[in-house]
């Protein structure tokens, strides 16, 4: 479970995927499989969460990594490059963006 804290040592990545309602479940299954069987086992992985909007036209993914370089190494792996080609075929677009957490509120 992701824990959102302002930590200078963690890298946060938020990825948004845009798709049609007809492909949402397929994409969600592909992302779940990627996290369960590959991404979560990579060095530096901390936690992640998947979120689907009501219309099933967007998926947002929040992931946390020990370091920016850990996330980048995972993306550059042959396994993830193959998975991302398959994921891209199921959606209109997806964009991972790296963020630093600068504040949290309870």
PDB file of N, CA and C in Angstrom:
ATOM      1  N   UNK A   1       0.847  -1.173   0.000  1.00  0.00           N
ATOM      2  CA  UNK A   1       0.000   0.000   0.000  1.00  0.00           C
ATOM      3  C   UNK A   1       0.893   1.238   0.000  1.00  0.00           C
ATOM      4  N   UNK A   2       0.694   2.137  -0.948  1.00  0.00           N
ATOM      5  CA  UNK A   2       1.487   3.363  -0.958  1.00  0.00           C
ATOM      6  C   UNK A   2       1.230   4.196   0.297  1.00  0.00           C
ATOM      7  N   UNK A   3       2.293   4.772   0.821  1.00  0.00           N
ATOM      8  CA  UNK A   3       2.184   5.698   1.948  1.00  0.00           C
ATOM      9  C   UNK A   3       2.769   7.015   1.463  1.00  0.00           C
ATOM     10  N   UNK A   4       1.930   8.016   1.380  1.00  0.00           N
ATOM     11  CA  UNK A   4       2.354   9.297   0.841  1.00  0.00           C
ATOM     12  C   UNK A   4       2.999  10.119   1.942  1.00  0.00           C
ATOM     13  N   UNK A   5       4.303  10.355   1.790  1.00  0.00           N
ATOM     14  CA  UNK A   5       5.041  11.185   2.723  1.00  0.00           C
ATOM     15  C   UNK A   5       6.014  12.054   1.936  1.00  0.00           C
ATOM     16  N   UNK A   6       6.335  13.183   2.493  1.00  0.00           N
ATOM     17  CA  UNK A   6       7.318  14.065   1.861  1.00  0.00           C
ATOM     18  C   UNK A   6       8.706  13.547   2.218  1.00  0.00           C
ATOM     19  N   UNK A   7       9.229  12.646   1.395  1.00  0.00           N
ATOM     20  CA  UNK A   7      10.518  12.020   1.648  1.00  0.00           C
ATOM     21  C   UNK A   7      11.481  12.374   0.526  1.00  0.00           C
ATOM     22  N   UNK A   8      12.596  12.985   0.860  1.00  0.00           N
ATOM     23  CA  UNK A   8      13.544  13.348  -0.193  1.00  0.00           C
ATOM     24  C   UNK A   8      14.228  12.143  -0.827  1.00  0.00           C
ATOM     25  N   UNK A   9      14.047  10.966  -0.231  1.00  0.00           N
ATOM     26  CA  UNK A   9      14.723   9.786  -0.767  1.00  0.00           C
ATOM     27  C   UNK A   9      13.844   8.957  -1.697  1.00  0.00           C
ATOM     28  N   UNK A  10      12.546   9.230  -1.775  1.00  0.00           N
ATOM     29  CA  UNK A  10      11.661   8.441  -2.629  1.00  0.00           C
ATOM     30  C   UNK A  10      11.281   9.193  -3.894  1.00  0.00           C
ATOM     31  N   UNK A  11      11.078   8.427  -4.960  1.00  0.00           N
ATOM     32  CA  UNK A  11      10.595   8.991  -6.216  1.00  0.00           C
ATOM     33  C   UNK A  11       9.148   8.555  -6.400  1.00  0.00           C
ATOM     34  N   UNK A  12       8.274   9.500  -6.678  1.00  0.00           N
ATOM     35  CA  UNK A  12       6.873   9.215  -6.928  1.00  0.00           C
ATOM     36  C   UNK A  12       6.619   9.330  -8.432  1.00  0.00           C
ATOM     37  N   UNK A  13       5.900   8.365  -8.978  1.00  0.00           N
ATOM     38  CA  UNK A  13       5.544   8.400 -10.400  1.00  0.00           C
ATOM     39  C   UNK A  13       4.037   8.260 -10.512  1.00  0.00           C
ATOM     40  N   UNK A  14       3.414   9.204 -11.196  1.00  0.00           N
ATOM     41  CA  UNK A  14       1.985   9.126 -11.466  1.00  0.00           C
ATOM     42  C   UNK A  14       1.824   8.966 -12.971  1.00  0.00           C
ATOM     43  N   UNK A  15       1.171   7.885 -13.364  1.00  0.00           N
ATOM     44  CA  UNK A  15       0.957   7.595 -14.781  1.00  0.00           C
ATOM     45  C   UNK A  15      -0.537   7.600 -15.055  1.00  0.00           C
ATOM     46  N   UNK A  16      -0.944   8.306 -16.088  1.00  0.00           N
ATOM     47  CA  UNK A  16      -2.344   8.303 -16.491  1.00  0.00           C
ATOM     48  C   UNK A  16      -2.472   7.607 -17.838  1.00  0.00           C
ATOM     49  N   UNK A  17      -3.494   6.800 -17.941  1.00  0.00           N
ATOM     50  CA  UNK A  17      -3.800   6.051 -19.154  1.00  0.00           C
ATOM     51  C   UNK A  17      -5.177   6.485 -19.630  1.00  0.00           C
ATOM     52  N   UNK A  18      -5.321   6.715 -20.917  1.00  0.00           N
ATOM     53  CA  UNK A  18      -6.613   7.078 -21.486  1.00  0.00           C
ATOM     54  C   UNK A  18      -7.028   5.964 -22.440  1.00  0.00           C
ATOM     55  N   UNK A  19      -8.266   5.468 -22.271  1.00  0.00           N
ATOM     56  CA  UNK A  19      -8.753   4.354 -23.080  1.00  0.00           C
ATOM     57  C   UNK A  19     -10.262   4.438 -23.234  1.00  0.00           C
ATOM     58  N   UNK A  20     -10.835   3.524 -23.988  1.00  0.00           N
ATOM     59  CA  UNK A  20     -12.289   3.441 -24.102  1.00  0.00           C
ATOM     60  C   UNK A  20     -12.805   2.503 -23.009  1.00  0.00           C
ATOM     61  N   UNK A  21     -14.084   2.639 -22.649  1.00  0.00           N
ATOM     62  CA  UNK A  21     -14.636   1.726 -21.644  1.00  0.00           C
ATOM     63  C   UNK A  21     -14.493   0.259 -22.064  1.00  0.00           C
ATOM     64  N   UNK A  22     -14.506   0.006 -23.361  1.00  0.00           N
ATOM     65  CA  UNK A  22     -14.399  -1.374 -23.846  1.00  0.00           C
ATOM     66  C   UNK A  22     -13.041  -2.004 -23.622  1.00  0.00           C
ATOM     67  N   UNK A  23     -11.996  -1.200 -23.443  1.00  0.00           N
ATOM     68  CA  UNK A  23     -10.667  -1.766 -23.224  1.00  0.00           C
ATOM     69  C   UNK A  23     -10.164  -1.573 -21.797  1.00  0.00           C
ATOM     70  N   UNK A  24     -10.941  -0.919 -20.961  1.00  0.00           N
ATOM     71  CA  UNK A  24     -10.509  -0.627 -19.593  1.00  0.00           C
ATOM     72  C   UNK A  24     -10.155  -1.901 -18.825  1.00  0.00           C
ATOM     73  N   UNK A  25     -11.016  -2.895 -18.857  1.00  0.00           N
ATOM     74  CA  UNK A  25     -10.762  -4.110 -18.085  1.00  0.00           C
ATOM     75  C   UNK A  25      -9.531  -4.844 -18.600  1.00  0.00           C
ATOM     76  N   UNK A  26      -9.352  -4.896 -19.918  1.00  0.00           N
ATOM     77  CA  UNK A  26      -8.162  -5.548 -20.481  1.00  0.00           C
ATOM     78  C   UNK A  26      -6.892  -4.830 -20.033  1.00  0.00           C
ATOM     79  N   UNK A  27      -6.926  -3.511 -20.076  1.00  0.00           N
ATOM     80  CA  UNK A  27      -5.767  -2.732 -19.655  1.00  0.00           C
ATOM     81  C   UNK A  27      -5.510  -2.903 -18.168  1.00  0.00           C
ATOM     82  N   UNK A  28      -6.557  -2.885 -17.375  1.00  0.00           N
ATOM     83  CA  UNK A  28      -6.412  -3.081 -15.936  1.00  0.00           C
ATOM     84  C   UNK A  28      -5.793  -4.443 -15.632  1.00  0.00           C
ATOM     85  N   UNK A  29      -6.216  -5.466 -16.350  1.00  0.00           N
ATOM     86  CA  UNK A  29      -5.639  -6.805 -16.161  1.00  0.00           C
ATOM     87  C   UNK A  29      -4.161  -6.828 -16.555  1.00  0.00           C
ATOM     88  N   UNK A  30      -3.801  -6.158 -17.650  1.00  0.00           N
ATOM     89  CA  UNK A  30      -2.400  -6.110 -18.080  1.00  0.00           C
ATOM     90  C   UNK A  30      -1.544  -5.378 -17.054  1.00  0.00           C
ATOM     91  N   UNK A  31      -2.055  -4.272 -16.521  1.00  0.00           N
ATOM     92  CA  UNK A  31      -1.309  -3.525 -15.518  1.00  0.00           C
ATOM     93  C   UNK A  31      -1.173  -4.314 -14.217  1.00  0.00           C
ATOM     94  N   UNK A  32      -2.246  -4.966 -13.813  1.00  0.00           N
ATOM     95  CA  UNK A  32      -2.211  -5.789 -12.604  1.00  0.00           C
ATOM     96  C   UNK A  32      -1.185  -6.900 -12.747  1.00  0.00           C
ATOM     97  N   UNK A  33      -1.180  -7.563 -13.903  1.00  0.00           N
ATOM     98  CA  UNK A  33      -0.206  -8.626 -14.151  1.00  0.00           C
ATOM     99  C   UNK A  33       1.220  -8.072 -14.132  1.00  0.00           C
ATOM    100  N   UNK A  34       1.426  -6.916 -14.756  1.00  0.00           N
ATOM    101  CA  UNK A  34       2.759  -6.312 -14.776  1.00  0.00           C
ATOM    102  C   UNK A  34       3.240  -6.023 -13.358  1.00  0.00           C
ATOM    103  N   UNK A  35       2.365  -5.459 -12.522  1.00  0.00           N
ATOM    104  CA  UNK A  35       2.768  -5.168 -11.147  1.00  0.00           C
ATOM    105  C   UNK A  35       2.969  -6.438 -10.345  1.00  0.00           C
ATOM    106  N   UNK A  36       2.069  -7.372 -10.464  1.00  0.00           N
ATOM    107  CA  UNK A  36       2.138  -8.588  -9.653  1.00  0.00           C
ATOM    108  C   UNK A  36       3.359  -9.440 -10.011  1.00  0.00           C
ATOM    109  N   UNK A  37       3.662  -9.558 -11.304  1.00  0.00           N
ATOM    110  CA  UNK A  37       4.673 -10.523 -11.746  1.00  0.00           C
ATOM    111  C   UNK A  37       6.013  -9.929 -12.156  1.00  0.00           C
ATOM    112  N   UNK A  38       6.092  -8.619 -12.319  1.00  0.00           N
ATOM    113  CA  UNK A  38       7.364  -8.047 -12.744  1.00  0.00           C
ATOM    114  C   UNK A  38       7.748  -6.785 -11.968  1.00  0.00           C
ATOM    115  N   UNK A  39       6.951  -5.735 -12.080  1.00  0.00           N
ATOM    116  CA  UNK A  39       7.347  -4.429 -11.542  1.00  0.00           C
ATOM    117  C   UNK A  39       7.618  -4.489 -10.036  1.00  0.00           C
ATOM    118  N   UNK A  40       6.735  -5.148  -9.287  1.00  0.00           N
ATOM    119  CA  UNK A  40       6.884  -5.186  -7.825  1.00  0.00           C
ATOM    120  C   UNK A  40       8.122  -5.944  -7.368  1.00  0.00           C
ATOM    121  N   UNK A  41       8.735  -6.688  -8.266  1.00  0.00           N
ATOM    122  CA  UNK A  41       9.924  -7.473  -7.934  1.00  0.00           C
ATOM    123  C   UNK A  41      11.218  -6.756  -8.328  1.00  0.00           C
ATOM    124  N   UNK A  42      11.105  -5.557  -8.889  1.00  0.00           N
ATOM    125  CA  UNK A  42      12.283  -4.830  -9.343  1.00  0.00           C
ATOM    126  C   UNK A  42      12.959  -4.089  -8.194  1.00  0.00           C
ATOM    127  N   UNK A  43      14.294  -3.960  -8.279  1.00  0.00           N
ATOM    128  CA  UNK A  43      15.020  -3.235  -7.231  1.00  0.00           C
ATOM    129  C   UNK A  43      14.488  -1.810  -7.076  1.00  0.00           C
ATOM    130  N   UNK A  44      14.294  -1.404  -5.844  1.00  0.00           N
ATOM    131  CA  UNK A  44      13.859  -0.051  -5.551  1.00  0.00           C
ATOM    132  C   UNK A  44      12.360   0.161  -5.522  1.00  0.00           C
ATOM    133  N   UNK A  45      11.579  -0.844  -5.919  1.00  0.00           N
ATOM    134  CA  UNK A  45      10.121  -0.696  -5.882  1.00  0.00           C
ATOM    135  C   UNK A  45       9.662  -0.608  -4.435  1.00  0.00           C
ATOM    136  N   UNK A  46       8.778   0.359  -4.145  1.00  0.00           N
ATOM    137  CA  UNK A  46       8.245   0.522  -2.788  1.00  0.00           C
ATOM    138  C   UNK A  46       6.788   0.081  -2.738  1.00  0.00           C
ATOM    139  N   UNK A  47       5.927   0.696  -3.551  1.00  0.00           N
ATOM    140  CA  UNK A  47       4.496   0.387  -3.525  1.00  0.00           C
ATOM    141  C   UNK A  47       3.827   1.036  -4.725  1.00  0.00           C
ATOM    142  N   UNK A  48       2.581   0.616  -4.986  1.00  0.00           N
ATOM    143  CA  UNK A  48       1.827   1.203  -6.098  1.00  0.00           C
ATOM    144  C   UNK A  48       0.342   1.028  -5.857  1.00  0.00           C
ATOM    145  N   UNK A  49      -0.453   1.821  -6.582  1.00  0.00           N
ATOM    146  CA  UNK A  49      -1.905   1.714  -6.540  1.00  0.00           C
ATOM    147  C   UNK A  49      -2.468   2.024  -7.914  1.00  0.00           C
ATOM    148  N   UNK A  50      -3.547   1.346  -8.275  1.00  0.00           N
ATOM    149  CA  UNK A  50      -4.245   1.592  -9.535  1.00  0.00           C
ATOM    150  C   UNK A  50      -5.614   2.176  -9.227  1.00  0.00           C
ATOM    151  N   UNK A  51      -6.021   3.177  -9.993  1.00  0.00           N
ATOM    152  CA  UNK A  51      -7.300   3.860  -9.795  1.00  0.00           C
ATOM    153  C   UNK A  51      -8.009   3.937 -11.142  1.00  0.00           C
ATOM    154  N   UNK A  52      -9.325   3.652 -11.160  1.00  0.00           N
ATOM    155  CA  UNK A  52     -10.123   3.720 -12.384  1.00  0.00           C
ATOM    156  C   UNK A  52     -11.242   4.736 -12.182  1.00  0.00           C
ATOM    157  N   UNK A  53     -11.469   5.611 -13.177  1.00  0.00           N
ATOM    158  CA  UNK A  53     -12.562   6.574 -13.045  1.00  0.00           C
ATOM    159  C   UNK A  53     -13.909   5.886 -13.320  1.00  0.00           C
ATOM    160  N   UNK A  54     -15.001   6.561 -12.943  1.00  0.00           N
ATOM    161  CA  UNK A  54     -16.344   5.985 -13.076  1.00  0.00           C
ATOM    162  C   UNK A  54     -16.697   5.606 -14.507  1.00  0.00           C
ATOM    163  N   UNK A  55     -16.271   6.404 -15.468  1.00  0.00           N
ATOM    164  CA  UNK A  55     -16.612   6.168 -16.866  1.00  0.00           C
ATOM    165  C   UNK A  55     -15.733   5.090 -17.512  1.00  0.00           C
ATOM    166  N   UNK A  56     -14.749   4.606 -16.791  1.00  0.00           N
ATOM    167  CA  UNK A  56     -13.787   3.621 -17.291  1.00  0.00           C
ATOM    168  C   UNK A  56     -13.074   4.102 -18.549  1.00  0.00           C
ATOM    169  N   UNK A  57     -12.719   5.386 -18.559  1.00  0.00           N
ATOM    170  CA  UNK A  57     -11.972   5.959 -19.672  1.00  0.00           C
ATOM    171  C   UNK A  57     -10.569   6.392 -19.250  1.00  0.00           C
ATOM    172  N   UNK A  58     -10.282   6.303 -17.956  1.00  0.00           N
ATOM    173  CA  UNK A  58      -8.954   6.657 -17.458  1.00  0.00           C
ATOM    174  C   UNK A  58      -8.550   5.731 -16.306  1.00  0.00           C
ATOM    175  N   UNK A  59      -7.290   5.400 -16.323  1.00  0.00           N
ATOM    176  CA  UNK A  59      -6.675   4.698 -15.195  1.00  0.00           C
ATOM    177  C   UNK A  59      -5.528   5.584 -14.736  1.00  0.00           C
ATOM    178  N   UNK A  60      -5.444   5.794 -13.437  1.00  0.00           N
ATOM    179  CA  UNK A  60      -4.313   6.512 -12.856  1.00  0.00           C
ATOM    180  C   UNK A  60      -3.530   5.521 -12.005  1.00  0.00           C
ATOM    181  N   UNK A  61      -2.231   5.585 -12.135  1.00  0.00           N
ATOM    182  CA  UNK A  61      -1.341   4.691 -11.403  1.00  0.00           C
ATOM    183  C   UNK A  61      -0.387   5.541 -10.573  1.00  0.00           C
ATOM    184  N   UNK A  62      -0.319   5.244  -9.291  1.00  0.00           N
ATOM    185  CA  UNK A  62       0.585   5.930  -8.374  1.00  0.00           C
ATOM    186  C   UNK A  62       1.615   4.901  -7.945  1.00  0.00           C
ATOM    187  N   UNK A  63       2.890   5.173  -8.205  1.00  0.00           N
ATOM    188  CA  UNK A  63       3.918   4.241  -7.746  1.00  0.00           C
ATOM    189  C   UNK A  63       5.029   4.986  -7.031  1.00  0.00           C
ATOM    190  N   UNK A  64       5.685   4.279  -6.119  1.00  0.00           N
ATOM    191  CA  UNK A  64       6.774   4.844  -5.342  1.00  0.00           C
ATOM    192  C   UNK A  64       8.010   3.973  -5.521  1.00  0.00           C
ATOM    193  N   UNK A  65       9.140   4.662  -5.635  1.00  0.00           N
ATOM    194  CA  UNK A  65      10.424   4.003  -5.867  1.00  0.00           C
ATOM    195  C   UNK A  65      11.458   4.572  -4.912  1.00  0.00           C
ATOM    196  N   UNK A  66      12.430   3.765  -4.562  1.00  0.00           N
ATOM    197  CA  UNK A  66      13.517   4.237  -3.700  1.00  0.00           C
ATOM    198  C   UNK A  66      14.262   5.388  -4.363  1.00  0.00           C
ATOM    199  N   UNK A  67      14.549   5.235  -5.661  1.00  0.00           N
ATOM    200  CA  UNK A  67      15.307   6.251  -6.385  1.00  0.00           C
ATOM    201  C   UNK A  67      14.772   6.398  -7.800  1.00  0.00           C
ATOM    202  N   UNK A  68      14.944   7.534  -8.379  1.00  0.00           N
ATOM    203  CA  UNK A  68      14.560   7.798  -9.769  1.00  0.00           C
ATOM    204  C   UNK A  68      15.207   6.767 -10.711  1.00  0.00           C
ATOM    205  N   UNK A  69      16.454   6.446 -10.457  1.00  0.00           N
ATOM    206  CA  UNK A  69      17.189   5.506 -11.304  1.00  0.00           C
ATOM    207  C   UNK A  69      16.592   4.106 -11.281  1.00  0.00           C
ATOM    208  N   UNK A  70      15.984   3.719 -10.165  1.00  0.00           N
ATOM    209  CA  UNK A  70      15.339   2.404 -10.082  1.00  0.00           C
ATOM    210  C   UNK A  70      14.145   2.342 -11.034  1.00  0.00           C
ATOM    211  N   UNK A  71      13.340   3.386 -11.033  1.00  0.00           N
ATOM    212  CA  UNK A  71      12.193   3.436 -11.945  1.00  0.00           C
ATOM    213  C   UNK A  71      12.664   3.433 -13.393  1.00  0.00           C
ATOM    214  N   UNK A  72      13.661   4.227 -13.703  1.00  0.00           N
ATOM    215  CA  UNK A  72      14.164   4.304 -15.070  1.00  0.00           C
ATOM    216  C   UNK A  72      14.744   2.973 -15.537  1.00  0.00           C
ATOM    217  N   UNK A  73      15.448   2.261 -14.656  1.00  0.00           N
ATOM    218  CA  UNK A  73      16.002   0.950 -15.011  1.00  0.00           C
ATOM    219  C   UNK A  73      14.888  -0.049 -15.311  1.00  0.00           C
ATOM    220  N   UNK A  74      13.826  -0.013 -14.513  1.00  0.00           N
ATOM    221  CA  UNK A  74      12.689  -0.910 -14.765  1.00  0.00           C
ATOM    222  C   UNK A  74      12.089  -0.615 -16.135  1.00  0.00           C
ATOM    223  N   UNK A  75      11.889   0.664 -16.461  1.00  0.00           N
ATOM    224  CA  UNK A  75      11.309   1.039 -17.754  1.00  0.00           C
ATOM    225  C   UNK A  75      12.171   0.587 -18.928  1.00  0.00           C
ATOM    226  N   UNK A  76      13.473   0.599 -18.758  1.00  0.00           N
ATOM    227  CA  UNK A  76      14.395   0.260 -19.843  1.00  0.00           C
ATOM    228  C   UNK A  76      14.610  -1.246 -20.016  1.00  0.00           C
ATOM    229  N   UNK A  77      14.107  -2.035 -19.099  1.00  0.00           N
ATOM    230  CA  UNK A  77      14.296  -3.486 -19.187  1.00  0.00           C
ATOM    231  C   UNK A  77      13.557  -4.038 -20.400  1.00  0.00           C
ATOM    232  N   UNK A  78      14.080  -5.104 -20.975  1.00  0.00           N
ATOM    233  CA  UNK A  78      13.425  -5.737 -22.131  1.00  0.00           C
ATOM    234  C   UNK A  78      12.004  -6.169 -21.802  1.00  0.00           C
ATOM    235  N   UNK A  79      11.817  -6.713 -20.595  1.00  0.00           N
ATOM    236  CA  UNK A  79      10.491  -7.173 -20.171  1.00  0.00           C
ATOM    237  C   UNK A  79       9.483  -6.024 -20.148  1.00  0.00           C
ATOM    238  N   UNK A  80       9.858  -4.891 -19.571  1.00  0.00           N
ATOM    239  CA  UNK A  80       8.908  -3.784 -19.470  1.00  0.00           C
ATOM    240  C   UNK A  80       8.703  -3.110 -20.813  1.00  0.00           C
ATOM    241  N   UNK A  81       9.726  -3.067 -21.639  1.00  0.00           N
ATOM    242  CA  UNK A  81       9.555  -2.496 -22.974  1.00  0.00           C
ATOM    243  C   UNK A  81       8.533  -3.314 -23.766  1.00  0.00           C
ATOM    244  N   UNK A  82       8.587  -4.646 -23.641  1.00  0.00           N
ATOM    245  CA  UNK A  82       7.607  -5.511 -24.305  1.00  0.00           C
ATOM    246  C   UNK A  82       6.213  -5.267 -23.734  1.00  0.00           C
ATOM    247  N   UNK A  83       6.115  -5.217 -22.423  1.00  0.00           N
ATOM    248  CA  UNK A  83       4.813  -4.985 -21.794  1.00  0.00           C
ATOM    249  C   UNK A  83       4.244  -3.624 -22.184  1.00  0.00           C
ATOM    250  N   UNK A  84       5.096  -2.606 -22.243  1.00  0.00           N
ATOM    251  CA  UNK A  84       4.602  -1.274 -22.610  1.00  0.00           C
ATOM    252  C   UNK A  84       4.109  -1.215 -24.051  1.00  0.00           C
ATOM    253  N   UNK A  85       4.690  -1.977 -24.941  1.00  0.00           N
ATOM    254  CA  UNK A  85       4.155  -2.045 -26.312  1.00  0.00           C
ATOM    255  C   UNK A  85       2.742  -2.633 -26.296  1.00  0.00           C
ATOM    256  N   UNK A  86       2.537  -3.684 -25.513  1.00  0.00           N
ATOM    257  CA  UNK A  86       1.206  -4.300 -25.394  1.00  0.00           C
ATOM    258  C   UNK A  86       0.215  -3.333 -24.734  1.00  0.00           C
ATOM    259  N   UNK A  87       0.656  -2.646 -23.689  1.00  0.00           N
ATOM    260  CA  UNK A  87      -0.199  -1.686 -22.996  1.00  0.00           C
ATOM    261  C   UNK A  87      -0.578  -0.544 -23.934  1.00  0.00           C
ATOM    262  N   UNK A  88       0.390  -0.039 -24.669  1.00  0.00           N
ATOM    263  CA  UNK A  88       0.130   1.070 -25.592  1.00  0.00           C
ATOM    264  C   UNK A  88      -0.929   0.689 -26.636  1.00  0.00           C
ATOM    265  N   UNK A  89      -0.959  -0.562 -27.052  1.00  0.00           N
ATOM    266  CA  UNK A  89      -1.935  -1.020 -28.045  1.00  0.00           C
ATOM    267  C   UNK A  89      -3.358  -1.000 -27.492  1.00  0.00           C
ATOM    268  N   UNK A  90      -3.511  -0.992 -26.163  1.00  0.00           N
ATOM    269  CA  UNK A  90      -4.837  -1.022 -25.550  1.00  0.00           C
ATOM    270  C   UNK A  90      -5.365   0.355 -25.174  1.00  0.00           C
ATOM    271  N   UNK A  91      -4.565   1.394 -25.312  1.00  0.00           N
ATOM    272  CA  UNK A  91      -5.032   2.703 -24.870  1.00  0.00           C
ATOM    273  C   UNK A  91      -4.677   3.790 -25.873  1.00  0.00           C
ATOM    274  N   UNK A  92      -5.371   4.898 -25.748  1.00  0.00           N
ATOM    275  CA  UNK A  92      -5.101   6.049 -26.618  1.00  0.00           C
ATOM    276  C   UNK A  92      -3.767   6.671 -26.286  1.00  0.00           C
ATOM    277  N   UNK A  93      -3.469   6.750 -24.990  1.00  0.00           N
ATOM    278  CA  UNK A  93      -2.209   7.340 -24.558  1.00  0.00           C
ATOM    279  C   UNK A  93      -1.922   6.934 -23.119  1.00  0.00           C
ATOM    280  N   UNK A  94      -0.646   7.014 -22.769  1.00  0.00           N
ATOM    281  CA  UNK A  94      -0.269   6.922 -21.363  1.00  0.00           C
ATOM    282  C   UNK A  94       1.000   7.725 -21.155  1.00  0.00           C
ATOM    283  N   UNK A  95       1.084   8.313 -19.963  1.00  0.00           N
ATOM    284  CA  UNK A  95       2.195   9.207 -19.686  1.00  0.00           C
ATOM    285  C   UNK A  95       2.645   9.070 -18.233  1.00  0.00           C
ATOM    286  N   UNK A  96       3.845   8.518 -18.012  1.00  0.00           N
ATOM    287  CA  UNK A  96       4.400   8.506 -16.661  1.00  0.00           C
ATOM    288  C   UNK A  96       5.120   9.825 -16.389  1.00  0.00           C
ATOM    289  N   UNK A  97       4.852  10.411 -15.226  1.00  0.00           N
ATOM    290  CA  UNK A  97       5.490  11.671 -14.838  1.00  0.00           C
ATOM    291  C   UNK A  97       6.042  11.497 -13.427  1.00  0.00           C
ATOM    292  N   UNK A  98       7.309  11.890 -13.231  1.00  0.00           N
ATOM    293  CA  UNK A  98       7.938  11.793 -11.920  1.00  0.00           C
ATOM    294  C   UNK A  98       7.646  13.053 -11.109  1.00  0.00           C
ATOM    295  N   UNK A  99       7.326  12.844  -9.834  1.00  0.00           N
ATOM    296  CA  UNK A  99       7.001  13.941  -8.928  1.00  0.00           C
ATOM    297  C   UNK A  99       7.773  13.793  -7.623  1.00  0.00           C
ATOM    298  N   UNK A 100       7.962  14.917  -6.953  1.00  0.00           N
ATOM    299  CA  UNK A 100       8.439  14.918  -5.566  1.00  0.00           C
ATOM    300  C   UNK A 100       7.260  15.316  -4.704  1.00  0.00           C
ATOM    301  N   UNK A 101       7.040  14.584  -3.615  1.00  0.00           N
ATOM    302  CA  UNK A 101       5.979  14.931  -2.678  1.00  0.00           C
ATOM    303  C   UNK A 101       6.469  16.126  -1.851  1.00  0.00           C
ATOM    304  N   UNK A 102       5.728  17.221  -1.897  1.00  0.00           N
ATOM    305  CA  UNK A 102       6.144  18.420  -1.178  1.00  0.00           C
ATOM    306  C   UNK A 102       5.252  18.734   0.019  1.00  0.00           C
ATOM    307  N   UNK A 103       4.156  17.992   0.165  1.00  0.00           N
ATOM    308  CA  UNK A 103       3.291  18.196   1.323  1.00  0.00           C
ATOM    309  C   UNK A 103       2.242  17.111   1.399  1.00  0.00           C
ATOM    310  N   UNK A 104       1.852  16.768   2.602  1.00  0.00           N
ATOM    311  CA  UNK A 104       0.763  15.825   2.841  1.00  0.00           C
ATOM    312  C   UNK A 104      -0.138  16.411   3.908  1.00  0.00           C
ATOM    313  N   UNK A 105      -1.403  16.018   3.909  1.00  0.00           N
ATOM    314  CA  UNK A 105      -2.381  16.591   4.823  1.00  0.00           C
ATOM    315  C   UNK A 105      -3.307  15.496   5.334  1.00  0.00           C
ATOM    316  N   UNK A 106      -3.542  15.464   6.633  1.00  0.00           N
ATOM    317  CA  UNK A 106      -4.451  14.486   7.245  1.00  0.00           C
ATOM    318  C   UNK A 106      -5.730  15.160   7.641  1.00  0.00           C
TER     319      UNK A 106
END
